[in-house]
Structures are given as C-alpha cells and as structure tokens.
Amino acid sequence: HLFDIDVAATDKRPAMKFKESDVLSPGETMTLVDFPWCRAGIGICYDVRFPEYALMLKNRGAKMLIYPGAFNMTTGPAHWSVLARGRANDSQCYVAMVSPARSENPMDYQAWGHSMLVSPWAEIQTEAEHQPTVVVAEVDPTEADRIREQVPTSNQKRSDLYVPYADPQVPAGSPSKREQLLASVAALSTAALLFVGVRGLMKTK
C-alpha cells in the first residue's frame, strides 16, 4: 500500500500531505519469513492500516506481524499504537512496530518513534520512547495458538451476512486464489505465445 494522504489542518494539528505513488510502485506479493520458532508476515508502514493484509498473512501461517514504519508527528500520536493493537486483535498475532528514533535536528523528518511489541491479546508488552534504544522482548508463538483457540474468530465468520474481507484459512505455504489466478493467466499466456510461435514457424516453412 502506498502512503497517499491529504490531511487538512485543524486547530490541534498541522496539515499533512504525502503522495508516495509519485515516486514509488506498490508491491505485488505478500511477504512471509520462516523463522525457526514461527512464521512472520512483513508489512511496511502504511500496510498496518489494512486489516485485510494482516488477516491474509495470518491465514498463511503467520503468528507474528512485523511493520517497519516511520509515522509522523500528526499520525503517530493518534494512530500508531491503536493500529498496532487493532492488527494484533484482528489477526491474533504478535505485532512488532519498528520505528526510527526521532531526529534531534528539527529540520529533519520527525518520526514518532515508539517502537513496540503487542501480544496476540492486543496488550502492549513493551514500548520504546522516541530516543535511540534497544528493546528486547520474548515472543511465545504458542500464545497465538491459545488465543485463537479461546476466541476462534477465524471459524466464526458470517458469510451468510457479509463477505469476509480476507481469504479463508489456507495451509501455510498454499497459494492464494489470486496467486492461483495469476499462475493460470501466466500459463495461458505462455501457451498462447507458444501457439503463435509455432504458427509463425509453420508459415515460414
């Protein structure tokens, strides 16, 4: 997801406008990393605002979500921890929010900071301030399993009333419907090119 926002100024906050799409392109696939202790899903900054992405990562076996990000001094105080806890609650995963420290130079970009780790129960386990620091915290992947068993929201979707906004549970490593579709389109495109190539050779002969 690209950070394209245009927030008007109020008496409590300055205006804030970004348009990443002017210089960046969006990603095309989800990112999952297998650690020895669990699978983790990776997002970048603005991705944390989208519960659909978090649930897709969870449905592919993630028990931890990691979001490197640099929220600013407008969105950070209002949304940083709320979004972290929201994604932990949605996905019942650990959520690590990793921010750069805030620059002491007022002319530099001013990041909110406050790197944190949130549990699958949506509790903030540890939180840094805005200064440079090192945070060490323990992650127990079985806690995600316990929370999902106690509050089994993944199995309680009401598809008779609404359309669930992420793919249903799939085995870890299984391709999504979109990935299957893209693979099918690629296969058909390759077959079409081969057919055209063979016809061209036949005409040449």
Protein backbone atom coordinates (compact mmCIF):
# COMPACT_ATOMS: atom_id res chain seq x y z
CA HIS A 1 0.00 0.00 0.00
CA LEU A 2 1.28 3.45 -0.90
CA PHE A 3 1.09 6.34 1.52
CA ASP A 4 -1.11 8.79 -0.37
CA ILE A 5 -2.84 11.07 2.14
CA ASP A 6 -4.03 14.67 2.33
CA VAL A 7 -4.91 15.59 5.92
CA ALA A 8 -6.31 19.08 6.42
CA ALA A 9 -5.02 21.26 9.24
CA THR A 10 -7.11 21.77 12.36
CA ASP A 11 -6.66 23.83 15.49
CA LYS A 12 -4.99 20.77 17.05
CA ARG A 13 -2.71 19.53 14.25
CA PRO A 14 -0.88 20.83 11.16
CA ALA A 15 -1.75 19.80 7.62
CA MET A 16 -0.03 16.68 6.32
CA LYS A 17 0.24 15.62 2.69
CA PHE A 18 2.18 12.73 1.14
CA LYS A 19 1.89 11.02 -2.23
CA GLU A 20 4.25 8.05 -2.44
CA SER A 21 2.69 6.97 -5.72
CA ASP A 22 4.52 9.86 -7.42
CA VAL A 23 7.85 8.12 -6.88
CA LEU A 24 7.14 4.53 -5.77
CA SER A 25 5.27 1.49 -7.07
CA PRO A 26 3.19 -0.84 -4.86
CA GLY A 27 4.31 -4.36 -4.04
CA GLU A 28 2.83 -7.30 -5.93
CA THR A 29 3.06 -10.12 -3.40
CA MET A 30 2.79 -10.71 0.32
CA THR A 31 5.98 -11.25 2.29
CA LEU A 32 6.34 -14.16 4.72
CA VAL A 33 9.50 -15.24 6.52
CA ASP A 34 10.01 -18.59 8.24
CA PHE A 35 11.98 -18.29 11.47
CA PRO A 36 12.99 -21.38 13.48
CA TRP A 37 10.24 -20.66 16.00
CA CYS A 38 7.39 -19.39 13.80
CA ARG A 39 6.34 -17.80 10.53
CA ALA A 40 6.19 -14.00 10.38
CA GLY A 41 4.41 -11.69 7.98
CA ILE A 42 6.03 -8.43 6.89
CA GLY A 43 4.36 -5.14 6.09
CA ILE A 44 5.75 -1.63 5.66
CA CYS A 45 4.40 1.41 7.49
CA TYR A 46 1.09 2.21 5.74
CA ASP A 47 0.28 -1.51 5.41
CA VAL A 48 -0.66 -1.59 9.09
CA ARG A 49 -3.82 0.37 8.28
CA PHE A 50 -5.25 -2.54 6.29
CA PRO A 51 -6.71 -5.42 8.34
CA GLU A 52 -7.24 -7.43 5.15
CA TYR A 53 -3.49 -7.72 4.64
CA ALA A 54 -2.87 -8.74 8.24
CA LEU A 55 -5.54 -11.45 8.02
CA MET A 56 -4.14 -12.77 4.74
CA LEU A 57 -0.72 -13.11 6.40
CA LYS A 58 -2.31 -14.84 9.40
CA ASN A 59 -4.23 -17.21 7.11
CA ARG A 60 -0.93 -18.21 5.56
CA GLY A 61 0.52 -19.28 8.86
CA ALA A 62 1.93 -16.08 10.37
CA LYS A 63 1.96 -15.84 14.16
CA MET A 64 3.85 -12.56 14.19
CA LEU A 65 3.47 -9.43 12.06
CA ILE A 66 6.37 -7.02 11.67
CA TYR A 67 5.82 -3.47 10.43
CA PRO A 68 8.86 -1.22 9.98
CA GLY A 69 7.41 2.27 9.78
CA ALA A 70 8.05 5.96 10.30
CA PHE A 71 4.78 7.57 11.30
CA ASN A 72 4.98 11.34 11.53
CA MET A 73 4.08 13.68 14.37
CA THR A 74 0.50 14.00 13.12
CA THR A 75 -0.49 10.37 12.52
CA GLY A 76 1.85 8.85 15.11
CA PRO A 77 0.28 10.13 18.34
CA ALA A 78 -3.22 9.44 17.03
CA HIS A 79 -2.87 6.07 15.31
CA TRP A 80 0.43 4.22 15.91
CA SER A 81 -0.49 2.20 18.99
CA VAL A 82 -4.19 1.98 18.06
CA LEU A 83 -3.33 0.34 14.74
CA ALA A 84 -0.77 -1.99 16.32
CA ARG A 85 -3.31 -3.24 18.86
CA GLY A 86 -6.03 -3.40 16.23
CA ARG A 87 -3.98 -5.63 13.93
CA ALA A 88 -2.99 -7.84 16.87
CA ASN A 89 -6.65 -8.19 17.79
CA ASP A 90 -7.75 -8.86 14.20
CA SER A 91 -5.11 -11.45 13.43
CA GLN A 92 -4.43 -12.77 16.95
CA CYS A 93 -0.73 -12.42 16.14
CA TYR A 94 2.16 -10.71 17.86
CA VAL A 95 2.68 -7.31 16.22
CA ALA A 96 6.07 -5.61 16.19
CA MET A 97 6.05 -1.93 15.20
CA VAL A 98 9.59 -0.80 14.42
CA SER A 99 10.28 2.91 14.08
CA PRO A 100 13.40 5.02 13.62
CA ALA A 101 14.28 7.31 16.50
CA ARG A 102 13.28 10.94 16.22
CA SER A 103 15.98 13.23 14.87
CA GLU A 104 17.31 15.95 17.17
CA ASN A 105 17.56 18.23 14.14
CA PRO A 106 14.18 19.99 13.76
CA MET A 107 14.85 20.40 10.03
CA ASP A 108 14.88 16.61 9.53
CA TYR A 109 11.83 14.42 9.14
CA GLN A 110 10.35 13.99 12.61
CA ALA A 111 9.37 10.37 13.22
CA TRP A 112 7.00 9.50 16.06
CA GLY A 113 9.23 6.66 17.29
CA HIS A 114 7.69 4.44 19.98
CA SER A 115 8.71 1.03 18.64
CA MET A 116 6.59 -1.57 20.39
CA LEU A 117 5.62 -5.20 20.69
CA VAL A 118 1.94 -6.11 21.07
CA SER A 119 0.72 -9.56 22.16
CA PRO A 120 -1.95 -11.65 20.38
CA TRP A 121 -4.28 -10.47 23.18
CA ALA A 122 -3.64 -6.92 21.93
CA GLU A 123 -1.70 -5.88 25.03
CA ILE A 124 1.37 -3.68 24.63
CA GLN A 125 4.18 -5.80 26.06
CA THR A 126 6.94 -3.25 25.64
CA GLU A 127 7.22 0.23 24.16
CA ALA A 128 10.20 2.47 23.50
CA GLU A 129 10.17 6.26 23.56
CA HIS A 130 11.38 8.38 20.65
CA GLN A 131 15.09 8.27 21.53
CA PRO A 132 17.55 5.64 20.21
CA THR A 133 17.30 2.50 22.33
CA VAL A 134 17.45 -1.29 22.25
CA VAL A 135 14.33 -3.26 23.21
CA VAL A 136 14.46 -6.98 24.00
CA ALA A 137 11.21 -8.89 24.48
CA GLU A 138 10.14 -12.52 24.49
CA VAL A 139 7.75 -13.91 21.87
CA ASP A 140 5.90 -17.16 22.60
CA PRO A 141 4.23 -18.41 19.38
CA THR A 142 2.07 -20.83 21.34
CA GLU A 143 0.33 -17.80 22.87
CA ALA A 144 -1.14 -17.05 19.44
CA ASP A 145 -2.44 -20.63 19.29
CA ARG A 146 -4.03 -20.30 22.74
CA ILE A 147 -5.77 -17.02 21.92
CA ARG A 148 -7.07 -18.37 18.60
CA GLU A 149 -8.48 -21.42 20.37
CA GLN A 150 -10.11 -19.38 23.13
CA VAL A 151 -11.56 -16.73 20.80
CA PRO A 152 -11.96 -18.60 17.48
CA THR A 153 -12.96 -15.68 15.26
CA SER A 154 -11.42 -17.31 12.17
CA ASN A 155 -14.07 -20.02 12.33
CA GLN A 156 -16.96 -17.71 13.14
CA LYS A 157 -17.19 -15.55 10.00
CA ARG A 158 -20.80 -14.96 8.89
CA SER A 159 -20.50 -15.33 5.13
CA ASP A 160 -24.31 -15.58 5.02
CA LEU A 161 -24.49 -11.94 6.16
CA TYR A 162 -21.34 -10.34 4.71
CA VAL A 163 -18.34 -11.08 2.55
CA PRO A 164 -15.29 -11.89 4.73
CA TYR A 165 -12.56 -9.47 3.70
CA ALA A 166 -9.67 -11.93 3.54
CA ASP A 167 -9.17 -15.36 2.05
CA PRO A 168 -10.37 -18.23 4.25
CA GLN A 169 -7.90 -20.26 6.26
CA VAL A 170 -5.41 -22.00 3.98
CA PRO A 171 -2.49 -24.28 4.84
CA ALA A 172 0.80 -22.47 5.42
CA GLY A 173 2.60 -22.05 2.12
CA SER A 174 -0.50 -22.67 -0.01
CA PRO A 175 -1.09 -20.23 -2.87
CA SER A 176 -3.97 -17.78 -2.57
CA LYS A 177 -6.82 -17.61 -5.06
CA ARG A 178 -5.18 -14.53 -6.59
CA GLU A 179 -1.84 -16.31 -6.83
CA GLN A 180 -3.55 -19.30 -8.43
CA LEU A 181 -5.31 -16.99 -10.88
CA LEU A 182 -2.07 -15.21 -11.77
CA ALA A 183 -0.37 -18.58 -12.29
CA SER A 184 -3.22 -19.69 -14.55
CA VAL A 185 -3.06 -16.46 -16.56
CA ALA A 186 0.71 -16.83 -16.89
CA ALA A 187 0.32 -20.42 -18.08
CA LEU A 188 -2.34 -19.45 -20.62
CA SER A 189 -0.21 -16.53 -21.85
CA THR A 190 2.78 -18.84 -22.27
CA ALA A 191 0.65 -21.35 -24.16
CA ALA A 192 -0.70 -18.60 -26.42
CA LEU A 193 2.82 -17.36 -27.18
CA LEU A 194 3.98 -20.88 -27.97
CA PHE A 195 0.99 -21.36 -30.26
CA VAL A 196 1.70 -18.11 -32.09
CA GLY A 197 5.37 -19.06 -32.35
CA VAL A 198 4.58 -22.49 -33.81
CA ARG A 199 2.17 -20.97 -36.35
CA GLY A 200 4.88 -18.48 -37.31
CA LEU A 201 7.36 -21.28 -37.89
CA MET A 202 4.82 -23.22 -39.95
CA LYS A 203 4.16 -20.18 -42.14
CA THR A 204 7.88 -19.59 -42.55
CA LYS A 205 8.41 -23.14 -43.75
